[in-house]
């Protein structure tokens, strides 16, 4: 059991690092990877792009990402608001 400064150090470390578990599609092995909080979103965004590149030709992936960026920019300019990471739009009723 950790006590004193060792426990405080462990708590600081725990707040900055996520432990990610997933199954590697190529090998079927379970991957346990510590990821810093700042790298968390980039890690999963890169995995999604890599998975898309496996299913589609590279030009299709490039156009899909360009289209997504263009729709985001249009929405920001059309509604006069700033970019909000993680925003999910709702269908109008």
Protein backbone atom coordinates (compact mmCIF):
# COMPACT_ATOMS: atom_id res chain seq x y z
CA UNK A 1 0.00 0.00 0.00
CA UNK A 2 1.28 3.43 -0.94
CA UNK A 3 1.55 6.11 1.72
CA UNK A 4 2.63 9.71 1.94
CA UNK A 5 4.53 11.21 -0.98
CA UNK A 6 4.47 7.96 -3.01
CA UNK A 7 0.65 7.93 -2.88
CA UNK A 8 0.44 11.62 -3.80
CA UNK A 9 2.80 11.03 -6.74
CA UNK A 10 0.72 8.06 -7.92
CA UNK A 11 -2.48 10.15 -7.75
CA UNK A 12 -0.91 12.91 -9.87
CA UNK A 13 0.22 10.32 -12.44
CA UNK A 14 -3.19 8.63 -12.51
CA UNK A 15 -4.95 11.90 -13.36
CA UNK A 16 -2.69 12.46 -16.39
CA UNK A 17 -2.72 8.96 -17.94
CA UNK A 18 -5.49 6.71 -19.25
CA UNK A 19 -5.08 2.95 -19.57
CA UNK A 20 -6.60 1.93 -22.90
CA UNK A 21 -7.58 -1.67 -23.62
CA UNK A 22 -8.59 -2.91 -27.05
CA UNK A 23 -8.13 -5.90 -29.34
CA UNK A 24 -5.65 -5.50 -32.19
CA UNK A 25 -7.54 -6.38 -35.38
CA UNK A 26 -4.48 -7.79 -37.16
CA UNK A 27 -3.05 -10.02 -34.42
CA UNK A 28 -6.10 -10.55 -32.20
CA UNK A 29 -4.02 -9.69 -29.13
CA UNK A 30 -5.33 -7.57 -26.28
CA UNK A 31 -3.49 -4.24 -26.20
CA UNK A 32 -3.02 -2.48 -22.86
CA UNK A 33 -1.58 0.94 -23.56
CA UNK A 34 -1.10 3.88 -21.20
CA UNK A 35 -1.95 7.13 -23.01
CA UNK A 36 -1.44 10.64 -21.70
CA UNK A 37 -4.58 12.75 -21.51
CA UNK A 38 -3.26 15.16 -24.14
CA UNK A 39 -2.72 12.30 -26.63
CA UNK A 40 -6.04 10.50 -25.99
CA UNK A 41 -8.19 12.05 -28.74
CA UNK A 42 -5.40 11.98 -31.31
CA UNK A 43 -4.84 8.27 -30.63
CA UNK A 44 -8.45 7.33 -31.35
CA UNK A 45 -8.80 9.76 -34.28
CA UNK A 46 -5.72 8.21 -35.89
CA UNK A 47 -7.12 4.69 -35.30
CA UNK A 48 -10.40 5.66 -36.99
CA UNK A 49 -8.56 7.06 -40.01
CA UNK A 50 -6.36 3.97 -40.24
CA UNK A 51 -9.42 1.71 -40.13
CA UNK A 52 -11.08 3.79 -42.84
CA UNK A 53 -7.94 3.53 -44.99
CA UNK A 54 -8.14 -0.27 -44.73
CA UNK A 55 -11.72 -0.30 -46.05
CA UNK A 56 -11.56 2.47 -48.67
CA UNK A 57 -9.10 3.77 -51.26
CA UNK A 58 -6.83 6.59 -50.05
CA UNK A 59 -8.47 9.21 -52.29
CA UNK A 60 -11.90 8.38 -50.84
CA UNK A 61 -10.55 8.84 -47.30
CA UNK A 62 -8.97 12.18 -48.23
CA UNK A 63 -12.20 13.46 -49.79
CA UNK A 64 -14.26 12.27 -46.80
CA UNK A 65 -11.99 14.13 -44.36
CA UNK A 66 -12.00 17.26 -46.56
CA UNK A 67 -15.81 17.10 -46.73
CA UNK A 68 -16.06 16.79 -42.95
CA UNK A 69 -13.77 19.80 -42.47
CA UNK A 70 -15.71 21.83 -45.07
CA UNK A 71 -19.05 21.07 -43.33
CA UNK A 72 -17.55 22.07 -39.98
CA UNK A 73 -16.19 25.35 -41.38
CA UNK A 74 -19.51 26.10 -43.11
CA UNK A 75 -21.46 25.51 -39.88
CA UNK A 76 -19.14 27.79 -37.92
CA UNK A 77 -19.41 30.59 -40.49
CA UNK A 78 -23.14 30.15 -41.11
CA UNK A 79 -24.07 30.23 -37.43
CA UNK A 80 -21.47 32.78 -36.35
CA UNK A 81 -20.19 30.70 -33.45
CA UNK A 82 -16.80 29.38 -32.41
CA UNK A 83 -15.58 25.80 -32.79
CA UNK A 84 -16.63 23.44 -30.00
CA UNK A 85 -14.78 20.16 -29.79
CA UNK A 86 -17.10 17.22 -29.19
CA UNK A 87 -20.22 19.09 -30.34
CA UNK A 88 -23.05 16.81 -31.46
CA UNK A 89 -25.82 18.31 -33.56
CA UNK A 90 -29.44 17.42 -32.95
CA UNK A 91 -32.01 16.92 -35.68
CA UNK A 92 -34.53 19.80 -35.73
CA UNK A 93 -38.04 18.85 -34.66
